């Protein structure tokens, strides 16, 4: 993947099709964040600086490399939810991202590399229910 490009494109007798890296990154980010055990996406300060300086508008925590032909390599960083098996969650993220990107774009995902940046804790069930419960009217 020596040649870096920002769009994947193809030509046909009907015209051209171009898919931006940002589109692929958005699909990957959504697929990852919808995976059970993922509390959010994670990016390092270094990748944030690189994306800012290169004026990339990719989803936080997702890096895309479009390769030769119709191939793509994806790197995703996420925060794991406490209590879940991190390796199982990471494998599920890989499967979900690969499936979503391939089915929505037609690109061939060659790699989905995972970086787990930390562990987060869910709010206590009692505290979460108190926030959702409507205030009862005061009795007279």
C-alpha atoms as a PDB file:
ATOM      1  CA  UNK A   1       0.000   0.000   0.000  1.00  0.00           C
ATOM      2  CA  UNK A   2       2.707   2.401  -1.011  1.00  0.00           C
ATOM      3  CA  UNK A   3       0.533   4.800  -3.000  1.00  0.00           C
ATOM      4  CA  UNK A   4      -1.750   6.785  -0.717  1.00  0.00           C
ATOM      5  CA  UNK A   5      -5.033   7.993  -2.182  1.00  0.00           C
ATOM      6  CA  UNK A   6      -8.084   9.617  -0.664  1.00  0.00           C
ATOM      7  CA  UNK A   7     -10.681   8.005  -2.927  1.00  0.00           C
ATOM      8  CA  UNK A   8     -11.302   4.572  -4.314  1.00  0.00           C
ATOM      9  CA  UNK A   9     -12.658   4.842  -7.821  1.00  0.00           C
ATOM     10  CA  UNK A  10     -13.706   2.669 -10.691  1.00  0.00           C
ATOM     11  CA  UNK A  11     -14.829   3.358 -14.226  1.00  0.00           C
ATOM     12  CA  UNK A  12     -17.564   1.701 -16.223  1.00  0.00           C
ATOM     13  CA  UNK A  13     -19.419   2.398 -19.463  1.00  0.00           C
ATOM     14  CA  UNK A  14     -22.010   4.262 -17.355  1.00  0.00           C
ATOM     15  CA  UNK A  15     -19.484   6.588 -15.675  1.00  0.00           C
ATOM     16  CA  UNK A  16     -17.279   6.575 -12.602  1.00  0.00           C
ATOM     17  CA  UNK A  17     -17.788   5.651  -8.955  1.00  0.00           C
ATOM     18  CA  UNK A  18     -15.656   7.285  -6.246  1.00  0.00           C
ATOM     19  CA  UNK A  19     -15.784   6.341  -2.571  1.00  0.00           C
ATOM     20  CA  UNK A  20     -13.984   8.632  -0.122  1.00  0.00           C
ATOM     21  CA  UNK A  21     -11.810   7.350   2.727  1.00  0.00           C
ATOM     22  CA  UNK A  22     -14.128   9.350   5.002  1.00  0.00           C
ATOM     23  CA  UNK A  23     -17.086   7.242   3.904  1.00  0.00           C
ATOM     24  CA  UNK A  24     -15.210   4.017   4.630  1.00  0.00           C
ATOM     25  CA  UNK A  25     -14.067   5.436   7.990  1.00  0.00           C
ATOM     26  CA  UNK A  26     -17.633   6.378   8.931  1.00  0.00           C
ATOM     27  CA  UNK A  27     -18.943   2.908   8.094  1.00  0.00           C
ATOM     28  CA  UNK A  28     -16.128   1.296  10.106  1.00  0.00           C
ATOM     29  CA  UNK A  29     -16.662   3.639  13.074  1.00  0.00           C
ATOM     30  CA  UNK A  30     -20.387   2.941  13.218  1.00  0.00           C
ATOM     31  CA  UNK A  31     -19.904  -0.834  12.916  1.00  0.00           C
ATOM     32  CA  UNK A  32     -17.288  -0.785  15.692  1.00  0.00           C
ATOM     33  CA  UNK A  33     -19.302   1.419  18.041  1.00  0.00           C
ATOM     34  CA  UNK A  34     -22.393  -0.786  17.672  1.00  0.00           C
ATOM     35  CA  UNK A  35     -20.464  -3.851  18.862  1.00  0.00           C
ATOM     36  CA  UNK A  36     -21.321  -5.083  22.354  1.00  0.00           C
ATOM     37  CA  UNK A  37     -18.540  -4.358  24.835  1.00  0.00           C
ATOM     38  CA  UNK A  38     -17.355  -1.214  23.020  1.00  0.00           C
ATOM     39  CA  UNK A  39     -17.996   1.960  24.994  1.00  0.00           C
ATOM     40  CA  UNK A  40     -16.523   4.334  22.431  1.00  0.00           C
ATOM     41  CA  UNK A  41     -13.813   4.913  19.882  1.00  0.00           C
ATOM     42  CA  UNK A  42     -10.312   5.897  20.909  1.00  0.00           C
ATOM     43  CA  UNK A  43      -7.571   7.760  19.125  1.00  0.00           C
ATOM     44  CA  UNK A  44      -4.086   8.665  20.210  1.00  0.00           C
ATOM     45  CA  UNK A  45      -2.846  12.229  20.403  1.00  0.00           C
ATOM     46  CA  UNK A  46      -0.358  11.417  17.646  1.00  0.00           C
ATOM     47  CA  UNK A  47      -3.050  10.247  15.230  1.00  0.00           C
ATOM     48  CA  UNK A  48      -5.204  13.275  16.099  1.00  0.00           C
ATOM     49  CA  UNK A  49      -2.293  15.595  15.267  1.00  0.00           C
ATOM     50  CA  UNK A  50      -1.527  13.770  12.004  1.00  0.00           C
ATOM     51  CA  UNK A  51      -5.195  13.922  10.951  1.00  0.00           C
ATOM     52  CA  UNK A  52      -5.390  17.618  11.876  1.00  0.00           C
ATOM     53  CA  UNK A  53      -2.217  18.533   9.985  1.00  0.00           C
ATOM     54  CA  UNK A  54      -3.250  16.532   6.921  1.00  0.00           C
ATOM     55  CA  UNK A  55      -6.720  18.108   7.137  1.00  0.00           C
ATOM     56  CA  UNK A  56      -8.342  14.692   7.174  1.00  0.00           C
ATOM     57  CA  UNK A  57     -11.893  14.523   8.457  1.00  0.00           C
ATOM     58  CA  UNK A  58     -11.876  10.851   9.364  1.00  0.00           C
ATOM     59  CA  UNK A  59     -13.876   9.413  12.189  1.00  0.00           C
ATOM     60  CA  UNK A  60     -12.085   9.575  15.515  1.00  0.00           C
ATOM     61  CA  UNK A  61     -10.264   6.347  16.223  1.00  0.00           C
ATOM     62  CA  UNK A  62     -10.371   5.047  12.627  1.00  0.00           C
ATOM     63  CA  UNK A  63      -7.571   5.094  10.072  1.00  0.00           C
ATOM     64  CA  UNK A  64      -8.082   3.943   6.494  1.00  0.00           C
ATOM     65  CA  UNK A  65      -5.517   2.951   3.858  1.00  0.00           C
ATOM     66  CA  UNK A  66      -6.853   2.320   0.387  1.00  0.00           C
ATOM     67  CA  UNK A  67      -4.666  -0.184  -1.412  1.00  0.00           C
ATOM     68  CA  UNK A  68      -4.171  -1.493  -4.900  1.00  0.00           C
ATOM     69  CA  UNK A  69      -7.290  -2.453  -6.794  1.00  0.00           C
ATOM     70  CA  UNK A  70     -10.264  -2.578  -4.489  1.00  0.00           C
ATOM     71  CA  UNK A  71      -8.502  -3.363  -1.197  1.00  0.00           C
ATOM     72  CA  UNK A  72      -8.581  -1.465   2.080  1.00  0.00           C
ATOM     73  CA  UNK A  73      -6.730  -1.755   5.385  1.00  0.00           C
ATOM     74  CA  UNK A  74      -8.472  -0.447   8.519  1.00  0.00           C
ATOM     75  CA  UNK A  75      -7.113   0.456  11.950  1.00  0.00           C
ATOM     76  CA  UNK A  76      -9.546   1.101  14.801  1.00  0.00           C
ATOM     77  CA  UNK A  77      -8.985   2.134  18.390  1.00  0.00           C
ATOM     78  CA  UNK A  78     -11.729   1.628  20.941  1.00  0.00           C
ATOM     79  CA  UNK A  79     -12.438   1.733  24.658  1.00  0.00           C
ATOM     80  CA  UNK A  80     -13.641  -1.563  26.116  1.00  0.00           C
ATOM     81  CA  UNK A  81     -16.516  -1.767  28.551  1.00  0.00           C
ATOM     82  CA  UNK A  82     -15.489  -3.277  31.896  1.00  0.00           C
ATOM     83  CA  UNK A  83     -16.653  -6.862  32.397  1.00  0.00           C
ATOM     84  CA  UNK A  84     -16.367  -7.928  28.753  1.00  0.00           C
ATOM     85  CA  UNK A  85     -13.636 -10.188  27.383  1.00  0.00           C
ATOM     86  CA  UNK A  86     -11.465  -7.709  25.474  1.00  0.00           C
ATOM     87  CA  UNK A  87     -10.111 -10.252  22.970  1.00  0.00           C
ATOM     88  CA  UNK A  88     -13.628 -11.487  22.128  1.00  0.00           C
ATOM     89  CA  UNK A  89     -14.883  -7.914  21.740  1.00  0.00           C
ATOM     90  CA  UNK A  90     -11.904  -7.071  19.495  1.00  0.00           C
ATOM     91  CA  UNK A  91     -12.571 -10.108  17.289  1.00  0.00           C
ATOM     92  CA  UNK A  92     -16.242  -9.146  17.041  1.00  0.00           C
ATOM     93  CA  UNK A  93     -15.252  -5.584  16.072  1.00  0.00           C
ATOM     94  CA  UNK A  94     -13.002  -7.016  13.347  1.00  0.00           C
ATOM     95  CA  UNK A  95     -15.842  -9.176  12.008  1.00  0.00           C
ATOM     96  CA  UNK A  96     -18.459  -6.404  12.172  1.00  0.00           C
ATOM     97  CA  UNK A  97     -16.226  -3.792  10.534  1.00  0.00           C
ATOM     98  CA  UNK A  98     -15.100  -6.129   7.747  1.00  0.00           C
ATOM     99  CA  UNK A  99     -18.654  -7.225   7.029  1.00  0.00           C
ATOM    100  CA  UNK A 100     -20.104  -3.696   7.043  1.00  0.00           C
ATOM    101  CA  UNK A 101     -17.398  -2.155   4.853  1.00  0.00           C
ATOM    102  CA  UNK A 102     -17.413  -4.998   2.337  1.00  0.00           C
ATOM    103  CA  UNK A 103     -21.200  -5.164   2.050  1.00  0.00           C
ATOM    104  CA  UNK A 104     -21.702  -1.387   1.765  1.00  0.00           C
ATOM    105  CA  UNK A 105     -18.786  -0.494  -0.520  1.00  0.00           C
ATOM    106  CA  UNK A 106     -17.791  -3.641  -2.394  1.00  0.00           C
ATOM    107  CA  UNK A 107     -14.194  -3.094  -1.270  1.00  0.00           C
ATOM    108  CA  UNK A 108     -12.115  -6.053  -0.060  1.00  0.00           C
ATOM    109  CA  UNK A 109     -10.975  -5.556   3.546  1.00  0.00           C
ATOM    110  CA  UNK A 110      -7.523  -7.112   3.876  1.00  0.00           C
ATOM    111  CA  UNK A 111      -6.877  -6.157   7.530  1.00  0.00           C
ATOM    112  CA  UNK A 112      -8.739  -4.776  10.523  1.00  0.00           C
ATOM    113  CA  UNK A 113      -6.123  -3.913  13.141  1.00  0.00           C
ATOM    114  CA  UNK A 114      -7.415  -3.185  16.636  1.00  0.00           C
ATOM    115  CA  UNK A 115      -5.968  -0.930  19.339  1.00  0.00           C
ATOM    116  CA  UNK A 116      -7.673  -1.074  22.734  1.00  0.00           C
ATOM    117  CA  UNK A 117      -7.005   2.268  24.403  1.00  0.00           C
ATOM    118  CA  UNK A 118      -8.590   1.680  27.785  1.00  0.00           C
ATOM    119  CA  UNK A 119     -11.446   0.324  29.840  1.00  0.00           C
ATOM    120  CA  UNK A 120     -14.506   2.289  30.900  1.00  0.00           C
ATOM    121  CA  UNK A 121     -17.142   1.523  33.508  1.00  0.00           C
ATOM    122  CA  UNK A 122     -20.895   1.601  32.991  1.00  0.00           C
ATOM    123  CA  UNK A 123     -22.980   3.643  35.423  1.00  0.00           C
ATOM    124  CA  UNK A 124     -24.503   1.670  38.285  1.00  0.00           C
ATOM    125  CA  UNK A 125     -27.950   0.255  37.313  1.00  0.00           C
ATOM    126  CA  UNK A 126     -29.687   2.059  40.206  1.00  0.00           C
ATOM    127  CA  UNK A 127     -28.201   5.427  39.220  1.00  0.00           C
ATOM    128  CA  UNK A 128     -29.162   4.922  35.572  1.00  0.00           C
ATOM    129  CA  UNK A 129     -32.769   4.066  36.501  1.00  0.00           C
ATOM    130  CA  UNK A 130     -33.039   7.107  38.793  1.00  0.00           C
ATOM    131  CA  UNK A 131     -32.070   9.348  35.877  1.00  0.00           C
ATOM    132  CA  UNK A 132     -34.686   7.736  33.602  1.00  0.00           C
ATOM    133  CA  UNK A 133     -37.539   7.639  36.118  1.00  0.00           C
ATOM    134  CA  UNK A 134     -39.865  10.644  35.907  1.00  0.00           C
ATOM    135  CA  UNK A 135     -40.342  12.652  39.048  1.00  0.00           C
ATOM    136  CA  UNK A 136     -43.519  11.639  40.865  1.00  0.00           C
ATOM    137  CA  UNK A 137     -45.931  14.427  41.713  1.00  0.00           C
ATOM    138  CA  UNK A 138     -45.918  15.448  45.338  1.00  0.00           C
ATOM    139  CA  UNK A 139     -48.929  14.256  47.324  1.00  0.00           C
ATOM    140  CA  UNK A 140     -51.086  16.890  48.903  1.00  0.00           C
END
